[in-house]
Amino acid sequence: CVHAVGSWPFEMLVGILIIVNLCIFVHEVDLTAEPDAQPIPPWLNSVNAVLFVVYAAEVCVNLFAYRWLFFAGIVNWNTFDLILVLSDALLLALRAAFPDMARNAGLRVL
């Protein structure tokens, strides 16, 4: 499992998904930047949810594959990924609990 997670194709796929997510994020911020902003299209929310599930699955697979080594290392990108997924999960939970809350797209930058 460690060989599959650390393989070049797996890393390339995750990298491509990160670039796609960046493009979608820029589009979302562009839509909401104006004072008379248009509502977010439903397809954008769906794509964001799918990408969140993919990122969460990637973190879970890495946790399973590396176990305690997941948290080891001087520059630990795995811990950074885990923090990003947990913060996005918190934002999704807040949006579900408080639907009138502003989009707070700027918080996703973190």
PDB file of N, CA and C in Angstrom:
ATOM      1  N   CYS A   1       0.825  -1.195   0.000  1.00  0.00           N
ATOM      2  CA  CYS A   1       0.000   0.000   0.000  1.00  0.00           C
ATOM      3  C   CYS A   1       0.874   1.266   0.000  1.00  0.00           C
ATOM      4  N   VAL A   2       1.996   1.202   0.726  1.00  0.00           N
ATOM      5  CA  VAL A   2       2.907   2.343   0.773  1.00  0.00           C
ATOM      6  C   VAL A   2       3.469   2.635  -0.611  1.00  0.00           C
ATOM      7  N   HIS A   3       3.753   1.582  -1.376  1.00  0.00           N
ATOM      8  CA  HIS A   3       4.303   1.776  -2.720  1.00  0.00           C
ATOM      9  C   HIS A   3       3.284   2.446  -3.635  1.00  0.00           C
ATOM     10  N   ALA A   4       2.011   2.093  -3.489  1.00  0.00           N
ATOM     11  CA  ALA A   4       0.975   2.694  -4.330  1.00  0.00           C
ATOM     12  C   ALA A   4       0.773   4.170  -3.980  1.00  0.00           C
ATOM     13  N   VAL A   5       0.731   4.481  -2.682  1.00  0.00           N
ATOM     14  CA  VAL A   5       0.513   5.861  -2.243  1.00  0.00           C
ATOM     15  C   VAL A   5       1.706   6.742  -2.597  1.00  0.00           C
ATOM     16  N   GLY A   6       2.902   6.211  -2.516  1.00  0.00           N
ATOM     17  CA  GLY A   6       4.095   6.982  -2.831  1.00  0.00           C
ATOM     18  C   GLY A   6       4.503   6.930  -4.286  1.00  0.00           C
ATOM     19  N   SER A   7       3.688   6.312  -5.118  1.00  0.00           N
ATOM     20  CA  SER A   7       4.057   6.149  -6.528  1.00  0.00           C
ATOM     21  C   SER A   7       3.900   7.461  -7.296  1.00  0.00           C
ATOM     22  N   TRP A   8       4.610   7.530  -8.409  1.00  0.00           N
ATOM     23  CA  TRP A   8       4.567   8.711  -9.254  1.00  0.00           C
ATOM     24  C   TRP A   8       3.156   8.972  -9.807  1.00  0.00           C
ATOM     25  N   PRO A   9       2.426   7.972 -10.322  1.00  0.00           N
ATOM     26  CA  PRO A   9       1.086   8.260 -10.848  1.00  0.00           C
ATOM     27  C   PRO A   9       0.123   8.790  -9.780  1.00  0.00           C
ATOM     28  N   PHE A  10       0.202   8.238  -8.564  1.00  0.00           N
ATOM     29  CA  PHE A  10      -0.673   8.706  -7.488  1.00  0.00           C
ATOM     30  C   PHE A  10      -0.362  10.154  -7.146  1.00  0.00           C
ATOM     31  N   GLU A  11       0.914  10.468  -7.016  1.00  0.00           N
ATOM     32  CA  GLU A  11       1.316  11.842  -6.698  1.00  0.00           C
ATOM     33  C   GLU A  11       0.924  12.796  -7.830  1.00  0.00           C
ATOM     34  N   MET A  12       1.051  12.361  -9.070  1.00  0.00           N
ATOM     35  CA  MET A  12       0.672  13.191 -10.214  1.00  0.00           C
ATOM     36  C   MET A  12      -0.831  13.459 -10.216  1.00  0.00           C
ATOM     37  N   LEU A  13      -1.629  12.442  -9.939  1.00  0.00           N
ATOM     38  CA  LEU A  13      -3.084  12.604  -9.881  1.00  0.00           C
ATOM     39  C   LEU A  13      -3.473  13.607  -8.807  1.00  0.00           C
ATOM     40  N   VAL A  14      -2.887  13.496  -7.637  1.00  0.00           N
ATOM     41  CA  VAL A  14      -3.189  14.433  -6.553  1.00  0.00           C
ATOM     42  C   VAL A  14      -2.749  15.846  -6.948  1.00  0.00           C
ATOM     43  N   GLY A  15      -1.601  15.978  -7.582  1.00  0.00           N
ATOM     44  CA  GLY A  15      -1.140  17.282  -8.041  1.00  0.00           C
ATOM     45  C   GLY A  15      -2.083  17.914  -9.058  1.00  0.00           C
ATOM     46  N   ILE A  16      -2.584  17.113  -9.981  1.00  0.00           N
ATOM     47  CA  ILE A  16      -3.546  17.622 -10.975  1.00  0.00           C
ATOM     48  C   ILE A  16      -4.828  18.065 -10.295  1.00  0.00           C
ATOM     49  N   LEU A  17      -5.295  17.285  -9.321  1.00  0.00           N
ATOM     50  CA  LEU A  17      -6.510  17.664  -8.590  1.00  0.00           C
ATOM     51  C   LEU A  17      -6.315  18.966  -7.812  1.00  0.00           C
ATOM     52  N   ILE A  18      -5.127  19.183  -7.287  1.00  0.00           N
ATOM     53  CA  ILE A  18      -4.844  20.433  -6.574  1.00  0.00           C
ATOM     54  C   ILE A  18      -4.904  21.613  -7.539  1.00  0.00           C
ATOM     55  N   ILE A  19      -4.385  21.448  -8.748  1.00  0.00           N
ATOM     56  CA  ILE A  19      -4.435  22.523  -9.743  1.00  0.00           C
ATOM     57  C   ILE A  19      -5.875  22.792 -10.172  1.00  0.00           C
ATOM     58  N   VAL A  20      -6.662  21.742 -10.372  1.00  0.00           N
ATOM     59  CA  VAL A  20      -8.084  21.901 -10.712  1.00  0.00           C
ATOM     60  C   VAL A  20      -8.802  22.632  -9.584  1.00  0.00           C
ATOM     61  N   ASN A  21      -8.513  22.249  -8.339  1.00  0.00           N
ATOM     62  CA  ASN A  21      -9.138  22.894  -7.194  1.00  0.00           C
ATOM     63  C   ASN A  21      -8.768  24.371  -7.126  1.00  0.00           C
ATOM     64  N   LEU A  22      -7.533  24.696  -7.447  1.00  0.00           N
ATOM     65  CA  LEU A  22      -7.103  26.094  -7.464  1.00  0.00           C
ATOM     66  C   LEU A  22      -7.905  26.887  -8.491  1.00  0.00           C
ATOM     67  N   CYS A  23      -8.073  26.341  -9.677  1.00  0.00           N
ATOM     68  CA  CYS A  23      -8.835  27.028 -10.732  1.00  0.00           C
ATOM     69  C   CYS A  23     -10.287  27.237 -10.305  1.00  0.00           C
ATOM     70  N   ILE A  24     -10.877  26.240  -9.689  1.00  0.00           N
ATOM     71  CA  ILE A  24     -12.262  26.358  -9.227  1.00  0.00           C
ATOM     72  C   ILE A  24     -12.364  27.387  -8.105  1.00  0.00           C
ATOM     73  N   PHE A  25     -11.374  27.375  -7.215  1.00  0.00           N
ATOM     74  CA  PHE A  25     -11.359  28.341  -6.121  1.00  0.00           C
ATOM     75  C   PHE A  25     -11.263  29.771  -6.648  1.00  0.00           C
ATOM     76  N   VAL A  26     -10.403  30.003  -7.632  1.00  0.00           N
ATOM     77  CA  VAL A  26     -10.267  31.338  -8.224  1.00  0.00           C
ATOM     78  C   VAL A  26     -11.588  31.761  -8.859  1.00  0.00           C
ATOM     79  N   HIS A  27     -12.256  30.856  -9.548  1.00  0.00           N
ATOM     80  CA  HIS A  27     -13.547  31.161 -10.165  1.00  0.00           C
ATOM     81  C   HIS A  27     -14.585  31.502  -9.087  1.00  0.00           C
ATOM     82  N   GLU A  28     -14.593  30.751  -8.005  1.00  0.00           N
ATOM     83  CA  GLU A  28     -15.545  31.007  -6.918  1.00  0.00           C
ATOM     84  C   GLU A  28     -15.298  32.370  -6.271  1.00  0.00           C
ATOM     85  N   VAL A  29     -14.045  32.699  -6.026  1.00  0.00           N
ATOM     86  CA  VAL A  29     -13.724  33.996  -5.433  1.00  0.00           C
ATOM     87  C   VAL A  29     -14.083  35.117  -6.405  1.00  0.00           C
ATOM     88  N   ASP A  30     -13.850  34.917  -7.685  1.00  0.00           N
ATOM     89  CA  ASP A  30     -14.203  35.914  -8.686  1.00  0.00           C
ATOM     90  C   ASP A  30     -15.708  36.163  -8.705  1.00  0.00           C
ATOM     91  N   LEU A  31     -16.494  35.106  -8.553  1.00  0.00           N
ATOM     92  CA  LEU A  31     -17.947  35.266  -8.543  1.00  0.00           C
ATOM     93  C   LEU A  31     -18.439  36.025  -7.319  1.00  0.00           C
ATOM     94  N   THR A  32     -17.782  35.859  -6.195  1.00  0.00           N
ATOM     95  CA  THR A  32     -18.252  36.451  -4.942  1.00  0.00           C
ATOM     96  C   THR A  32     -17.533  37.738  -4.571  1.00  0.00           C
ATOM     97  N   ALA A  33     -16.599  38.213  -5.387  1.00  0.00           N
ATOM     98  CA  ALA A  33     -15.787  39.379  -5.030  1.00  0.00           C
ATOM     99  C   ALA A  33     -16.544  40.696  -5.146  1.00  0.00           C
ATOM    100  N   GLU A  34     -17.472  40.780  -6.045  1.00  0.00           N
ATOM    101  CA  GLU A  34     -18.205  42.024  -6.264  1.00  0.00           C
ATOM    102  C   GLU A  34     -19.261  42.229  -5.180  1.00  0.00           C
ATOM    103  N   PRO A  35     -19.562  43.511  -4.868  1.00  0.00           N
ATOM    104  CA  PRO A  35     -20.612  43.766  -3.867  1.00  0.00           C
ATOM    105  C   PRO A  35     -21.976  43.206  -4.273  1.00  0.00           C
ATOM    106  N   ASP A  36     -22.270  43.237  -5.567  1.00  0.00           N
ATOM    107  CA  ASP A  36     -23.540  42.675  -6.054  1.00  0.00           C
ATOM    108  C   ASP A  36     -23.286  41.289  -6.649  1.00  0.00           C
ATOM    109  N   ALA A  37     -22.611  40.476  -5.879  1.00  0.00           N
ATOM    110  CA  ALA A  37     -22.160  39.161  -6.357  1.00  0.00           C
ATOM    111  C   ALA A  37     -23.335  38.273  -6.727  1.00  0.00           C
ATOM    112  N   GLN A  38     -23.094  37.473  -7.755  1.00  0.00           N
ATOM    113  CA  GLN A  38     -24.095  36.497  -8.167  1.00  0.00           C
ATOM    114  C   GLN A  38     -24.033  35.295  -7.217  1.00  0.00           C
ATOM    115  N   PRO A  39     -25.126  34.568  -7.126  1.00  0.00           N
ATOM    116  CA  PRO A  39     -25.075  33.372  -6.276  1.00  0.00           C
ATOM    117  C   PRO A  39     -24.142  32.316  -6.882  1.00  0.00           C
ATOM    118  N   ILE A  40     -23.593  31.497  -6.004  1.00  0.00           N
ATOM    119  CA  ILE A  40     -22.690  30.428  -6.440  1.00  0.00           C
ATOM    120  C   ILE A  40     -23.522  29.383  -7.188  1.00  0.00           C
ATOM    121  N   PRO A  41     -23.103  28.997  -8.392  1.00  0.00           N
ATOM    122  CA  PRO A  41     -23.848  27.965  -9.131  1.00  0.00           C
ATOM    123  C   PRO A  41     -23.808  26.628  -8.377  1.00  0.00           C
ATOM    124  N   PRO A  42     -24.877  25.859  -8.451  1.00  0.00           N
ATOM    125  CA  PRO A  42     -24.918  24.579  -7.739  1.00  0.00           C
ATOM    126  C   PRO A  42     -23.810  23.613  -8.160  1.00  0.00           C
ATOM    127  N   TRP A  43     -23.403  23.652  -9.425  1.00  0.00           N
ATOM    128  CA  TRP A  43     -22.353  22.737  -9.876  1.00  0.00           C
ATOM    129  C   TRP A  43     -21.038  23.010  -9.158  1.00  0.00           C
ATOM    130  N   LEU A  44     -20.800  24.281  -8.783  1.00  0.00           N
ATOM    131  CA  LEU A  44     -19.569  24.625  -8.089  1.00  0.00           C
ATOM    132  C   LEU A  44     -19.541  24.017  -6.686  1.00  0.00           C
ATOM    133  N   ASN A  45     -20.682  24.048  -6.009  1.00  0.00           N
ATOM    134  CA  ASN A  45     -20.775  23.403  -4.694  1.00  0.00           C
ATOM    135  C   ASN A  45     -20.571  21.901  -4.807  1.00  0.00           C
ATOM    136  N   SER A  46     -21.100  21.308  -5.856  1.00  0.00           N
ATOM    137  CA  SER A  46     -20.945  19.864  -6.051  1.00  0.00           C
ATOM    138  C   SER A  46     -19.483  19.499  -6.309  1.00  0.00           C
ATOM    139  N   VAL A  47     -18.818  20.276  -7.151  1.00  0.00           N
ATOM    140  CA  VAL A  47     -17.405  20.007  -7.445  1.00  0.00           C
ATOM    141  C   VAL A  47     -16.565  20.173  -6.178  1.00  0.00           C
ATOM    142  N   ASN A  48     -16.859  21.201  -5.379  1.00  0.00           N
ATOM    143  CA  ASN A  48     -16.125  21.399  -4.133  1.00  0.00           C
ATOM    144  C   ASN A  48     -16.327  20.221  -3.181  1.00  0.00           C
ATOM    145  N   ALA A  49     -17.550  19.697  -3.115  1.00  0.00           N
ATOM    146  CA  ALA A  49     -17.825  18.555  -2.244  1.00  0.00           C
ATOM    147  C   ALA A  49     -17.082  17.307  -2.720  1.00  0.00           C
ATOM    148  N   VAL A  50     -17.066  17.079  -4.027  1.00  0.00           N
ATOM    149  CA  VAL A  50     -16.354  15.914  -4.572  1.00  0.00           C
ATOM    150  C   VAL A  50     -14.860  16.029  -4.297  1.00  0.00           C
ATOM    151  N   LEU A  51     -14.298  17.207  -4.505  1.00  0.00           N
ATOM    152  CA  LEU A  51     -12.874  17.395  -4.244  1.00  0.00           C
ATOM    153  C   LEU A  51     -12.549  17.208  -2.760  1.00  0.00           C
ATOM    154  N   PHE A  52     -13.440  17.670  -1.892  1.00  0.00           N
ATOM    155  CA  PHE A  52     -13.225  17.459  -0.456  1.00  0.00           C
ATOM    156  C   PHE A  52     -13.197  15.976  -0.122  1.00  0.00           C
ATOM    157  N   VAL A  53     -14.126  15.213  -0.690  1.00  0.00           N
ATOM    158  CA  VAL A  53     -14.160  13.769  -0.437  1.00  0.00           C
ATOM    159  C   VAL A  53     -12.877  13.105  -0.948  1.00  0.00           C
ATOM    160  N   VAL A  54     -12.410  13.529  -2.111  1.00  0.00           N
ATOM    161  CA  VAL A  54     -11.176  12.957  -2.668  1.00  0.00           C
ATOM    162  C   VAL A  54      -9.987  13.276  -1.766  1.00  0.00           C
ATOM    163  N   TYR A  55      -9.888  14.533  -1.312  1.00  0.00           N
ATOM    164  CA  TYR A  55      -8.776  14.904  -0.428  1.00  0.00           C
ATOM    165  C   TYR A  55      -8.851  14.160   0.900  1.00  0.00           C
ATOM    166  N   ALA A  56     -10.059  14.044   1.450  1.00  0.00           N
ATOM    167  CA  ALA A  56     -10.217  13.312   2.712  1.00  0.00           C
ATOM    168  C   ALA A  56      -9.848  11.840   2.533  1.00  0.00           C
ATOM    169  N   ALA A  57     -10.230  11.255   1.405  1.00  0.00           N
ATOM    170  CA  ALA A  57      -9.870   9.858   1.133  1.00  0.00           C
ATOM    171  C   ALA A  57      -8.358   9.715   0.974  1.00  0.00           C
ATOM    172  N   GLU A  58      -7.720  10.689   0.337  1.00  0.00           N
ATOM    173  CA  GLU A  58      -6.267  10.632   0.170  1.00  0.00           C
ATOM    174  C   GLU A  58      -5.558  10.683   1.522  1.00  0.00           C
ATOM    175  N   VAL A  59      -6.042  11.537   2.427  1.00  0.00           N
ATOM    176  CA  VAL A  59      -5.449  11.611   3.764  1.00  0.00           C
ATOM    177  C   VAL A  59      -5.666  10.302   4.511  1.00  0.00           C
ATOM    178  N   CYS A  60      -6.855   9.724   4.393  1.00  0.00           N
ATOM    179  CA  CYS A  60      -7.150   8.450   5.068  1.00  0.00           C
ATOM    180  C   CYS A  60      -6.277   7.317   4.519  1.00  0.00           C
ATOM    181  N   VAL A  61      -6.107   7.279   3.214  1.00  0.00           N
ATOM    182  CA  VAL A  61      -5.261   6.243   2.613  1.00  0.00           C
ATOM    183  C   VAL A  61      -3.816   6.412   3.068  1.00  0.00           C
ATOM    184  N   ASN A  62      -3.341   7.649   3.118  1.00  0.00           N
ATOM    185  CA  ASN A  62      -1.982   7.892   3.600  1.00  0.00           C
ATOM    186  C   ASN A  62      -1.838   7.502   5.066  1.00  0.00           C
ATOM    187  N   LEU A  63      -2.848   7.832   5.874  1.00  0.00           N
ATOM    188  CA  LEU A  63      -2.814   7.426   7.289  1.00  0.00           C
ATOM    189  C   LEU A  63      -2.751   5.910   7.418  1.00  0.00           C
ATOM    190  N   PHE A  64      -3.552   5.224   6.619  1.00  0.00           N
ATOM    191  CA  PHE A  64      -3.560   3.759   6.663  1.00  0.00           C
ATOM    192  C   PHE A  64      -2.228   3.184   6.193  1.00  0.00           C
ATOM    193  N   ALA A  65      -1.673   3.748   5.134  1.00  0.00           N
ATOM    194  CA  ALA A  65      -0.448   3.204   4.557  1.00  0.00           C
ATOM    195  C   ALA A  65       0.769   3.466   5.446  1.00  0.00           C
ATOM    196  N   TYR A  66       0.874   4.694   5.946  1.00  0.00           N
ATOM    197  CA  TYR A  66       2.076   5.060   6.684  1.00  0.00           C
ATOM    198  C   TYR A  66       1.954   4.891   8.196  1.00  0.00           C
ATOM    199  N   ARG A  67       0.722   4.797   8.669  1.00  0.00           N
ATOM    200  CA  ARG A  67       0.454   4.691  10.102  1.00  0.00           C
ATOM    201  C   ARG A  67       1.172   5.814  10.852  1.00  0.00           C
ATOM    202  N   TRP A  68       1.994   5.504  11.862  1.00  0.00           N
ATOM    203  CA  TRP A  68       2.649   6.542  12.656  1.00  0.00           C
ATOM    204  C   TRP A  68       3.689   7.315  11.854  1.00  0.00           C
ATOM    205  N   LEU A  69       4.208   6.745  10.808  1.00  0.00           N
ATOM    206  CA  LEU A  69       5.167   7.468   9.972  1.00  0.00           C
ATOM    207  C   LEU A  69       4.507   8.635   9.225  1.00  0.00           C
ATOM    208  N   PHE A  70       3.186   8.618   9.183  1.00  0.00           N
ATOM    209  CA  PHE A  70       2.432   9.711   8.561  1.00  0.00           C
ATOM    210  C   PHE A  70       2.825  11.050   9.181  1.00  0.00           C
ATOM    211  N   PHE A  71       3.083  11.052  10.501  1.00  0.00           N
ATOM    212  CA  PHE A  71       3.389  12.283  11.222  1.00  0.00           C
ATOM    213  C   PHE A  71       4.889  12.549  11.355  1.00  0.00           C
ATOM    214  N   ALA A  72       5.729  11.684  10.778  1.00  0.00           N
ATOM    215  CA  ALA A  72       7.184  11.829  10.909  1.00  0.00           C
ATOM    216  C   ALA A  72       7.732  12.689   9.782  1.00  0.00           C
ATOM    217  N   GLY A  73       8.903  13.217  10.002  1.00  0.00           N
ATOM    218  CA  GLY A  73       9.576  13.971   8.952  1.00  0.00           C
ATOM    219  C   GLY A  73       9.820  15.403   9.345  1.00  0.00           C
ATOM    220  N   ILE A  74      10.835  16.002   8.759  1.00  0.00           N
ATOM    221  CA  ILE A  74      11.173  17.391   9.053  1.00  0.00           C
ATOM    222  C   ILE A  74      10.156  18.320   8.385  1.00  0.00           C
ATOM    223  N   VAL A  75       9.963  18.145   7.102  1.00  0.00           N
ATOM    224  CA  VAL A  75       8.930  18.884   6.380  1.00  0.00           C
ATOM    225  C   VAL A  75       7.808  17.903   6.131  1.00  0.00           C
ATOM    226  N   ASN A  76       6.782  18.009   6.936  1.00  0.00           N
ATOM    227  CA  ASN A  76       5.740  17.001   6.896  1.00  0.00           C
ATOM    228  C   ASN A  76       4.499  17.511   6.165  1.00  0.00           C
ATOM    229  N   TRP A  77       4.410  17.208   4.890  1.00  0.00           N
ATOM    230  CA  TRP A  77       3.260  17.624   4.099  1.00  0.00           C
ATOM    231  C   TRP A  77       2.010  16.855   4.483  1.00  0.00           C
ATOM    232  N   ASN A  78       2.153  15.661   5.023  1.00  0.00           N
ATOM    233  CA  ASN A  78       0.982  14.877   5.431  1.00  0.00           C
ATOM    234  C   ASN A  78       0.207  15.578   6.538  1.00  0.00           C
ATOM    235  N   THR A  79       0.928  16.112   7.522  1.00  0.00           N
ATOM    236  CA  THR A  79       0.259  16.842   8.602  1.00  0.00           C
ATOM    237  C   THR A  79      -0.409  18.094   8.058  1.00  0.00           C
ATOM    238  N   PHE A  80       0.243  18.773   7.137  1.00  0.00           N
ATOM    239  CA  PHE A  80      -0.345  19.954   6.498  1.00  0.00           C
ATOM    240  C   PHE A  80      -1.632  19.576   5.766  1.00  0.00           C
ATOM    241  N   ASP A  81      -1.603  18.484   5.014  1.00  0.00           N
ATOM    242  CA  ASP A  81      -2.805  18.002   4.318  1.00  0.00           C
ATOM    243  C   ASP A  81      -3.922  17.679   5.306  1.00  0.00           C
ATOM    244  N   LEU A  82      -3.569  17.034   6.403  1.00  0.00           N
ATOM    245  CA  LEU A  82      -4.567  16.685   7.420  1.00  0.00           C
ATOM    246  C   LEU A  82      -5.210  17.940   7.999  1.00  0.00           C
ATOM    247  N   ILE A  83      -4.409  18.962   8.290  1.00  0.00           N
ATOM    248  CA  ILE A  83      -4.950  20.214   8.823  1.00  0.00           C
ATOM    249  C   ILE A  83      -5.867  20.886   7.809  1.00  0.00           C
ATOM    250  N   LEU A  84      -5.486  20.867   6.540  1.00  0.00           N
ATOM    251  CA  LEU A  84      -6.347  21.453   5.501  1.00  0.00           C
ATOM    252  C   LEU A  84      -7.677  20.727   5.385  1.00  0.00           C
ATOM    253  N   VAL A  85      -7.641  19.407   5.409  1.00  0.00           N
ATOM    254  CA  VAL A  85      -8.882  18.634   5.298  1.00  0.00           C
ATOM    255  C   VAL A  85      -9.767  18.866   6.520  1.00  0.00           C
ATOM    256  N   LEU A  86      -9.174  18.903   7.701  1.00  0.00           N
ATOM    257  CA  LEU A  86      -9.959  19.145   8.912  1.00  0.00           C
ATOM    258  C   LEU A  86     -10.559  20.548   8.928  1.00  0.00           C
ATOM    259  N   SER A  87      -9.813  21.551   8.458  1.00  0.00           N
ATOM    260  CA  SER A  87     -10.363  22.908   8.420  1.00  0.00           C
ATOM    261  C   SER A  87     -11.483  23.023   7.389  1.00  0.00           C
ATOM    262  N   ASP A  88     -11.350  22.342   6.261  1.00  0.00           N
ATOM    263  CA  ASP A  88     -12.420  22.350   5.269  1.00  0.00           C
ATOM    264  C   ASP A  88     -13.654  21.627   5.795  1.00  0.00           C
ATOM    265  N   ALA A  89     -13.439  20.546   6.544  1.00  0.00           N
ATOM    266  CA  ALA A  89     -14.568  19.836   7.157  1.00  0.00           C
ATOM    267  C   ALA A  89     -15.293  20.737   8.159  1.00  0.00           C
ATOM    268  N   LEU A  90     -14.531  21.520   8.915  1.00  0.00           N
ATOM    269  CA  LEU A  90     -15.130  22.465   9.855  1.00  0.00           C
ATOM    270  C   LEU A  90     -15.959  23.514   9.121  1.00  0.00           C
ATOM    271  N   LEU A  91     -15.422  24.051   8.026  1.00  0.00           N
ATOM    272  CA  LEU A  91     -16.177  25.037   7.244  1.00  0.00           C
ATOM    273  C   LEU A  91     -17.452  24.437   6.651  1.00  0.00           C
ATOM    274  N   LEU A  92     -17.376  23.207   6.165  1.00  0.00           N
ATOM    275  CA  LEU A  92     -18.577  22.553   5.635  1.00  0.00           C
ATOM    276  C   LEU A  92     -19.612  22.343   6.731  1.00  0.00           C
ATOM    277  N   ALA A  93     -19.163  21.971   7.918  1.00  0.00           N
ATOM    278  CA  ALA A  93     -20.085  21.781   9.040  1.00  0.00           C
ATOM    279  C   ALA A  93     -20.721  23.111   9.450  1.00  0.00           C
ATOM    280  N   LEU A  94     -19.933  24.179   9.467  1.00  0.00           N
ATOM    281  CA  LEU A  94     -20.483  25.496   9.815  1.00  0.00           C
ATOM    282  C   LEU A  94     -21.501  25.961   8.783  1.00  0.00           C
ATOM    283  N   ARG A  95     -21.203  25.714   7.504  1.00  0.00           N
ATOM    284  CA  ARG A  95     -22.165  26.093   6.457  1.00  0.00           C
ATOM    285  C   ARG A  95     -23.454  25.293   6.556  1.00  0.00           C
ATOM    286  N   ALA A  96     -23.327  24.031   6.948  1.00  0.00           N
ATOM    287  CA  ALA A  96     -24.527  23.202   7.096  1.00  0.00           C
ATOM    288  C   ALA A  96     -25.336  23.643   8.316  1.00  0.00           C
ATOM    289  N   ALA A  97     -24.651  24.012   9.397  1.00  0.00           N
ATOM    290  CA  ALA A  97     -25.336  24.423  10.615  1.00  0.00           C
ATOM    291  C   ALA A  97     -25.920  25.828  10.506  1.00  0.00           C
ATOM    292  N   PHE A  98     -25.242  26.703   9.777  1.00  0.00           N
ATOM    293  CA  PHE A  98     -25.668  28.098   9.635  1.00  0.00           C
ATOM    294  C   PHE A  98     -25.747  28.453   8.156  1.00  0.00           C
ATOM    295  N   PRO A  99     -26.843  28.093   7.486  1.00  0.00           N
ATOM    296  CA  PRO A  99     -26.937  28.324   6.035  1.00  0.00           C
ATOM    297  C   PRO A  99     -26.894  29.795   5.640  1.00  0.00           C
ATOM    298  N   ASP A 100     -27.253  30.705   6.559  1.00  0.00           N
ATOM    299  CA  ASP A 100     -27.235  32.130   6.238  1.00  0.00           C
ATOM    300  C   ASP A 100     -25.860  32.751   6.405  1.00  0.00           C
ATOM    301  N   MET A 101     -24.909  31.948   6.872  1.00  0.00           N
ATOM    302  CA  MET A 101     -23.551  32.446   7.061  1.00  0.00           C
ATOM    303  C   MET A 101     -22.957  32.821   5.701  1.00  0.00           C
ATOM    304  N   ALA A 102     -22.177  33.876   5.693  1.00  0.00           N
ATOM    305  CA  ALA A 102     -21.524  34.292   4.440  1.00  0.00           C
ATOM    306  C   ALA A 102     -20.630  33.171   3.943  1.00  0.00           C
ATOM    307  N   ARG A 103     -20.334  33.197   2.661  1.00  0.00           N
ATOM    308  CA  ARG A 103     -19.535  32.133   2.041  1.00  0.00           C
ATOM    309  C   ARG A 103     -18.160  32.000   2.674  1.00  0.00           C
ATOM    310  N   ASN A 104     -17.585  33.096   3.119  1.00  0.00           N
ATOM    311  CA  ASN A 104     -16.254  33.080   3.730  1.00  0.00           C
ATOM    312  C   ASN A 104     -15.245  32.332   2.877  1.00  0.00           C
ATOM    313  N   ALA A 105     -15.234  32.599   1.594  1.00  0.00           N
ATOM    314  CA  ALA A 105     -14.292  31.939   0.694  1.00  0.00           C
ATOM    315  C   ALA A 105     -12.863  32.259   1.065  1.00  0.00           C
ATOM    316  N   GLY A 106     -12.653  33.408   1.685  1.00  0.00           N
ATOM    317  CA  GLY A 106     -11.306  33.773   2.112  1.00  0.00           C
ATOM    318  C   GLY A 106     -10.744  32.833   3.150  1.00  0.00           C
ATOM    319  N   LEU A 107     -11.598  32.228   3.964  1.00  0.00           N
ATOM    320  CA  LEU A 107     -11.121  31.264   4.964  1.00  0.00           C
ATOM    321  C   LEU A 107     -10.577  30.011   4.316  1.00  0.00           C
ATOM    322  N   ARG A 108     -11.027  29.688   3.111  1.00  0.00           N
ATOM    323  CA  ARG A 108     -10.546  28.490   2.434  1.00  0.00           C
ATOM    324  C   ARG A 108      -9.104  28.648   1.993  1.00  0.00           C
ATOM    325  N   VAL A 109      -8.621  29.888   1.924  1.00  0.00           N
ATOM    326  CA  VAL A 109      -7.234  30.111   1.546  1.00  0.00           C
ATOM    327  C   VAL A 109      -6.312  29.472   2.562  1.00  0.00           C
ATOM    328  N   LEU A 110      -6.725  29.507   3.830  1.00  0.00           N
ATOM    329  CA  LEU A 110      -5.909  28.924   4.884  1.00  0.00           C
ATOM    330  C   LEU A 110      -5.735  27.463   4.625  1.00  0.00           C
TER     331      LEU A 110
END
